[in-house]
Amino acid sequence: MKFLTDHPNTLEILNQRKISSQHDFMISSRFIWSSGLPMEAKIKGCLCTLVYQLIHSSSENSHAVLQKFPPAQTKDTTSD
C-alpha cells in the first residue's frame, strides 16, 4: 500500500479518471503501527491523522474548520 500512496503516477492516474474537472484528488495515508504509541495503534489515531492531512492540505480547509469550530484554535494535546 505504501508503494501506491508514494508512487508519483498514482495521483496522475486518479486525476485522469475523475468525473468533475473542478476538483483534484488528494492522497492521504496512515498505517496503523501496533508497536508504536497507543494512539498510533488505534483507529482514533488513524482518523486524527487523516483529518489533519485534509485540513493541512489547503488554507481554505484550515480557515473553514477554524471558523466553524473555534475551540480547534486552542488545541493543547493529542487527546483534546
N, C-alpha and C. Protein backbone atom coordinates (compact mmCIF):
# COMPACT_ATOMS: atom_id res chain seq x y z
N MET A 1 0.81 -1.19 0.00
CA MET A 1 0.00 0.00 0.00
C MET A 1 0.86 1.26 0.00
N LYS A 2 1.96 1.24 0.76
CA LYS A 2 2.81 2.42 0.82
C LYS A 2 3.36 2.75 -0.57
N PHE A 3 3.64 1.72 -1.35
CA PHE A 3 4.11 1.94 -2.72
C PHE A 3 3.08 2.74 -3.52
N LEU A 4 1.80 2.38 -3.39
CA LEU A 4 0.74 3.07 -4.13
C LEU A 4 0.60 4.52 -3.69
N THR A 5 0.66 4.78 -2.41
CA THR A 5 0.47 6.15 -1.93
C THR A 5 1.65 7.05 -2.27
N ASP A 6 2.84 6.47 -2.36
CA ASP A 6 4.05 7.27 -2.62
C ASP A 6 4.43 7.36 -4.10
N HIS A 7 3.87 6.50 -4.92
CA HIS A 7 4.28 6.48 -6.33
C HIS A 7 3.78 7.73 -7.05
N PRO A 8 4.64 8.40 -7.81
CA PRO A 8 4.25 9.65 -8.48
C PRO A 8 3.12 9.48 -9.50
N ASN A 9 2.97 8.32 -10.09
CA ASN A 9 1.92 8.12 -11.10
C ASN A 9 0.53 7.91 -10.50
N THR A 10 0.45 7.58 -9.22
CA THR A 10 -0.85 7.28 -8.62
C THR A 10 -1.79 8.47 -8.72
N LEU A 11 -1.35 9.63 -8.29
CA LEU A 11 -2.20 10.82 -8.32
C LEU A 11 -2.51 11.22 -9.76
N GLU A 12 -1.55 11.08 -10.63
CA GLU A 12 -1.77 11.42 -12.04
C GLU A 12 -2.86 10.54 -12.65
N ILE A 13 -2.82 9.25 -12.37
CA ILE A 13 -3.81 8.31 -12.90
C ILE A 13 -5.19 8.60 -12.31
N LEU A 14 -5.26 8.89 -11.02
CA LEU A 14 -6.54 9.23 -10.40
C LEU A 14 -7.15 10.47 -11.03
N ASN A 15 -6.34 11.49 -11.24
CA ASN A 15 -6.85 12.73 -11.82
C ASN A 15 -7.28 12.57 -13.27
N GLN A 16 -6.71 11.62 -13.99
CA GLN A 16 -7.14 11.34 -15.36
C GLN A 16 -8.52 10.71 -15.38
N ARG A 17 -8.87 10.01 -14.33
CA ARG A 17 -10.14 9.28 -14.28
C ARG A 17 -11.25 10.02 -13.55
N LYS A 18 -11.00 11.22 -13.11
CA LYS A 18 -12.01 11.95 -12.35
C LYS A 18 -13.17 12.37 -13.24
N ILE A 19 -14.31 12.49 -12.64
CA ILE A 19 -15.53 12.84 -13.37
C ILE A 19 -15.66 14.35 -13.53
N SER A 20 -15.37 15.08 -12.47
CA SER A 20 -15.51 16.54 -12.50
C SER A 20 -14.15 17.19 -12.66
N SER A 21 -14.09 18.22 -13.47
CA SER A 21 -12.83 18.93 -13.65
C SER A 21 -12.60 19.98 -12.57
N GLN A 22 -13.58 20.14 -11.68
CA GLN A 22 -13.47 21.17 -10.65
C GLN A 22 -12.59 20.75 -9.47
N HIS A 23 -12.46 19.47 -9.23
CA HIS A 23 -11.74 19.00 -8.05
C HIS A 23 -10.67 17.99 -8.43
N ASP A 24 -9.51 18.14 -7.80
CA ASP A 24 -8.45 17.16 -7.95
C ASP A 24 -8.48 16.20 -6.77
N PHE A 25 -7.88 15.04 -6.97
CA PHE A 25 -7.77 14.08 -5.89
C PHE A 25 -6.64 14.47 -4.97
N MET A 26 -6.73 14.00 -3.74
CA MET A 26 -5.67 14.16 -2.77
C MET A 26 -5.44 12.79 -2.15
N ILE A 27 -4.20 12.40 -2.00
CA ILE A 27 -3.90 11.11 -1.38
C ILE A 27 -3.50 11.37 0.07
N SER A 28 -4.24 10.76 0.97
CA SER A 28 -3.91 10.79 2.39
C SER A 28 -3.60 9.36 2.79
N SER A 29 -2.68 9.21 3.70
CA SER A 29 -2.34 7.85 4.11
C SER A 29 -2.03 7.80 5.59
N ARG A 30 -2.33 6.67 6.16
CA ARG A 30 -2.00 6.41 7.56
C ARG A 30 -1.98 4.92 7.73
N PHE A 31 -0.91 4.42 8.28
CA PHE A 31 -0.78 2.99 8.50
C PHE A 31 -0.75 2.74 10.00
N ILE A 32 -1.56 1.81 10.46
CA ILE A 32 -1.65 1.52 11.89
C ILE A 32 -0.41 0.73 12.29
N TRP A 33 0.26 1.22 13.32
CA TRP A 33 1.51 0.64 13.78
C TRP A 33 1.31 0.10 15.19
N SER A 34 1.18 -1.20 15.31
CA SER A 34 0.87 -1.81 16.61
C SER A 34 2.01 -1.69 17.61
N SER A 35 3.24 -1.50 17.16
CA SER A 35 4.38 -1.37 18.06
C SER A 35 4.61 0.06 18.52
N GLY A 36 3.89 0.99 17.98
CA GLY A 36 4.09 2.41 18.29
C GLY A 36 3.38 2.85 19.55
N LEU A 37 3.20 4.14 19.67
CA LEU A 37 2.48 4.71 20.80
C LEU A 37 1.04 4.24 20.76
N PRO A 38 0.34 4.24 21.91
CA PRO A 38 -1.05 3.76 21.92
C PRO A 38 -1.93 4.43 20.87
N MET A 39 -1.77 5.74 20.68
CA MET A 39 -2.60 6.46 19.71
C MET A 39 -2.29 5.99 18.28
N GLU A 40 -1.06 5.54 18.02
CA GLU A 40 -0.68 5.09 16.68
C GLU A 40 -1.26 3.72 16.34
N ALA A 41 -1.70 3.00 17.35
CA ALA A 41 -2.21 1.65 17.13
C ALA A 41 -3.73 1.59 17.12
N LYS A 42 -4.38 2.74 17.18
CA LYS A 42 -5.84 2.76 17.26
C LYS A 42 -6.47 3.48 16.07
N ILE A 43 -7.71 3.16 15.83
CA ILE A 43 -8.46 3.80 14.74
C ILE A 43 -8.57 5.31 14.98
N LYS A 44 -8.73 5.73 16.24
CA LYS A 44 -8.82 7.16 16.54
C LYS A 44 -7.57 7.89 16.06
N GLY A 45 -6.42 7.30 16.27
CA GLY A 45 -5.17 7.91 15.79
C GLY A 45 -5.14 7.99 14.28
N CYS A 46 -5.65 6.97 13.62
CA CYS A 46 -5.73 6.95 12.16
C CYS A 46 -6.63 8.06 11.66
N LEU A 47 -7.81 8.19 12.25
CA LEU A 47 -8.74 9.24 11.84
C LEU A 47 -8.19 10.63 12.11
N CYS A 48 -7.53 10.81 13.25
CA CYS A 48 -6.93 12.12 13.56
C CYS A 48 -5.88 12.50 12.52
N THR A 49 -5.07 11.54 12.13
CA THR A 49 -4.03 11.80 11.13
C THR A 49 -4.64 12.17 9.79
N LEU A 50 -5.66 11.44 9.36
CA LEU A 50 -6.30 11.72 8.07
C LEU A 50 -7.01 13.07 8.06
N VAL A 51 -7.68 13.40 9.16
CA VAL A 51 -8.34 14.70 9.26
C VAL A 51 -7.30 15.82 9.24
N TYR A 52 -6.20 15.62 9.96
CA TYR A 52 -5.13 16.62 9.96
C TYR A 52 -4.60 16.83 8.54
N GLN A 53 -4.35 15.75 7.81
CA GLN A 53 -3.84 15.88 6.45
C GLN A 53 -4.81 16.64 5.55
N LEU A 54 -6.09 16.38 5.71
CA LEU A 54 -7.11 17.06 4.92
C LEU A 54 -7.15 18.56 5.25
N ILE A 55 -7.15 18.88 6.53
CA ILE A 55 -7.18 20.29 6.94
C ILE A 55 -5.90 21.01 6.52
N HIS A 56 -4.78 20.33 6.68
CA HIS A 56 -3.48 20.93 6.38
C HIS A 56 -3.22 21.09 4.88
N SER A 57 -4.01 20.41 4.06
CA SER A 57 -3.77 20.41 2.61
C SER A 57 -4.05 21.75 1.93
N SER A 58 -4.91 22.58 2.54
CA SER A 58 -5.17 23.88 1.93
C SER A 58 -5.59 24.88 3.00
N SER A 59 -5.27 26.13 2.75
CA SER A 59 -5.63 27.17 3.72
C SER A 59 -7.15 27.35 3.77
N GLU A 60 -7.84 27.08 2.67
CA GLU A 60 -9.31 27.15 2.67
C GLU A 60 -9.89 26.18 3.69
N ASN A 61 -9.36 24.95 3.70
CA ASN A 61 -9.84 23.95 4.65
C ASN A 61 -9.56 24.40 6.08
N SER A 62 -8.37 24.92 6.32
CA SER A 62 -7.99 25.36 7.66
C SER A 62 -8.91 26.47 8.14
N HIS A 63 -9.14 27.46 7.32
CA HIS A 63 -9.99 28.59 7.70
C HIS A 63 -11.42 28.14 7.95
N ALA A 64 -11.91 27.24 7.13
CA ALA A 64 -13.28 26.75 7.29
C ALA A 64 -13.45 26.03 8.63
N VAL A 65 -12.48 25.19 8.98
CA VAL A 65 -12.56 24.45 10.25
C VAL A 65 -12.47 25.41 11.43
N LEU A 66 -11.55 26.36 11.37
CA LEU A 66 -11.38 27.30 12.48
C LEU A 66 -12.59 28.21 12.66
N GLN A 67 -13.27 28.55 11.57
CA GLN A 67 -14.47 29.38 11.68
C GLN A 67 -15.63 28.58 12.25
N LYS A 68 -15.75 27.34 11.83
CA LYS A 68 -16.88 26.52 12.27
C LYS A 68 -16.67 25.95 13.68
N PHE A 69 -15.42 25.68 14.04
CA PHE A 69 -15.08 25.09 15.33
C PHE A 69 -14.00 25.92 16.02
N PRO A 70 -14.35 27.09 16.57
CA PRO A 70 -13.35 27.96 17.21
C PRO A 70 -12.49 27.28 18.29
N PRO A 71 -13.02 26.29 19.05
CA PRO A 71 -12.16 25.64 20.04
C PRO A 71 -10.96 24.91 19.42
N ALA A 72 -11.01 24.66 18.12
CA ALA A 72 -9.88 23.99 17.47
C ALA A 72 -8.62 24.85 17.52
N GLN A 73 -8.78 26.14 17.75
CA GLN A 73 -7.62 27.04 17.84
C GLN A 73 -6.88 26.88 19.15
N THR A 74 -7.50 26.26 20.14
CA THR A 74 -6.88 26.13 21.46
C THR A 74 -6.43 24.71 21.76
N LYS A 75 -6.14 23.93 20.76
CA LYS A 75 -5.70 22.56 20.95
C LYS A 75 -4.35 22.54 21.67
N ASP A 76 -4.26 21.76 22.74
CA ASP A 76 -3.03 21.70 23.52
C ASP A 76 -2.36 20.33 23.48
N THR A 77 -3.16 19.28 23.42
CA THR A 77 -2.59 17.92 23.47
C THR A 77 -3.24 17.05 22.41
N THR A 78 -2.70 15.85 22.23
CA THR A 78 -3.26 14.94 21.23
C THR A 78 -4.61 14.38 21.65
N SER A 79 -4.98 14.54 22.91
CA SER A 79 -6.24 13.96 23.37
C SER A 79 -7.40 14.93 23.41
N ASP A 80 -7.17 16.23 23.13
CA ASP A 80 -8.30 17.17 23.17
C ASP A 80 -8.82 17.51 21.79
